[in-house]
C-alpha cells in the first residue's frame, strides 16, 4: 500500500482549472459564476483557497459529452 504525504495531490487550484478548461482559458470570475449557477464542477474551499477535486472535474467533463446529432433522411 502506497501512502502519500500530500493530501492535496488529487486537487487542482482554481487558477490551474481556469487555464486548462477546454475552450479556455476562462477567467476566475467565469469559474465563480459557474459555481453560483451550479453549472461548474464541484469545488472545495479551504480558507481562501479554492480547489477542484480532479475526479469531480472528470465527471463534470463527462456530463458535458454530447452524442452525435441525428441525421435527417432526405
Protein backbone atom coordinates (compact mmCIF):
# COMPACT_ATOMS: atom_id res chain seq x y z
CA UNK A 1 0.00 0.00 0.00
CA UNK A 2 1.40 3.36 -1.04
CA UNK A 3 0.83 6.34 1.21
CA UNK A 4 1.28 9.94 0.29
CA UNK A 5 2.24 12.90 2.42
CA UNK A 6 0.33 15.37 0.24
CA UNK A 7 -3.43 15.14 0.77
CA UNK A 8 -3.97 17.78 -1.94
CA UNK A 9 -2.37 15.94 -4.86
CA UNK A 10 -5.80 14.90 -6.19
CA UNK A 11 -6.92 18.53 -6.40
CA UNK A 12 -6.46 21.33 -8.94
CA UNK A 13 -6.25 25.00 -7.98
CA UNK A 14 -8.80 27.44 -9.36
CA UNK A 15 -6.11 29.19 -11.39
CA UNK A 16 -4.98 25.91 -12.96
CA UNK A 17 -8.57 24.84 -13.66
CA UNK A 18 -9.27 28.16 -15.41
CA UNK A 19 -6.14 27.78 -17.52
CA UNK A 20 -6.82 24.17 -18.53
CA UNK A 21 -10.60 24.17 -19.10
CA UNK A 22 -11.41 23.03 -22.67
CA UNK A 23 -12.15 26.01 -24.90
CA UNK A 24 -10.36 28.21 -22.34
CA UNK A 25 -8.66 29.73 -20.71
CA UNK A 26 -11.57 31.19 -18.75
CA UNK A 27 -11.45 33.93 -16.17
CA UNK A 28 -11.69 33.20 -12.47
CA UNK A 29 -14.85 35.29 -12.48
CA UNK A 30 -16.39 32.87 -15.00
CA UNK A 31 -15.49 29.92 -12.75
CA UNK A 32 -17.14 31.73 -9.82
CA UNK A 33 -20.24 32.41 -11.93
CA UNK A 34 -20.43 28.74 -12.97
CA UNK A 35 -20.28 27.79 -9.29
CA UNK A 36 -23.04 30.26 -8.36
CA UNK A 37 -25.23 28.93 -11.19
CA UNK A 38 -24.41 25.32 -10.22
CA UNK A 39 -23.18 24.50 -13.73
CA UNK A 40 -19.48 24.11 -12.95
CA UNK A 41 -17.55 21.24 -11.40
CA UNK A 42 -17.68 20.66 -7.64
CA UNK A 43 -15.15 22.56 -5.58
CA UNK A 44 -13.77 22.72 -2.07
CA UNK A 45 -12.92 25.89 -0.20
CA UNK A 46 -10.03 25.72 2.29
CA UNK A 47 -9.78 29.12 3.91
CA UNK A 48 -9.46 31.49 0.97
CA UNK A 49 -8.13 28.83 -1.37
CA UNK A 50 -10.48 27.11 -3.83
CA UNK A 51 -9.62 23.61 -5.01
CA UNK A 52 -11.32 21.37 -7.55
CA UNK A 53 -11.20 17.59 -6.97
CA UNK A 54 -9.70 16.04 -10.12
CA UNK A 55 -12.33 13.29 -10.08
CA UNK A 56 -15.07 15.94 -9.93
CA UNK A 57 -13.56 17.73 -12.93
CA UNK A 58 -13.52 14.47 -14.91
CA UNK A 59 -17.16 13.72 -14.02
CA UNK A 60 -18.18 17.27 -14.92
CA UNK A 61 -16.45 16.99 -18.31
CA UNK A 62 -18.11 13.62 -18.96
CA UNK A 63 -21.50 15.15 -18.16
CA UNK A 64 -20.87 17.69 -20.92
CA UNK A 65 -20.33 14.97 -23.53
CA UNK A 66 -22.80 15.23 -26.38
CA UNK A 67 -23.84 12.41 -28.62
CA UNK A 68 -23.82 12.73 -32.39
CA UNK A 69 -26.56 14.74 -33.99
CA UNK A 70 -29.35 12.72 -35.51
CA UNK A 71 -29.16 12.68 -39.26
CA UNK A 72 -32.27 13.62 -41.17
CA UNK A 73 -33.28 11.49 -44.12
CA UNK A 74 -33.53 13.30 -47.44
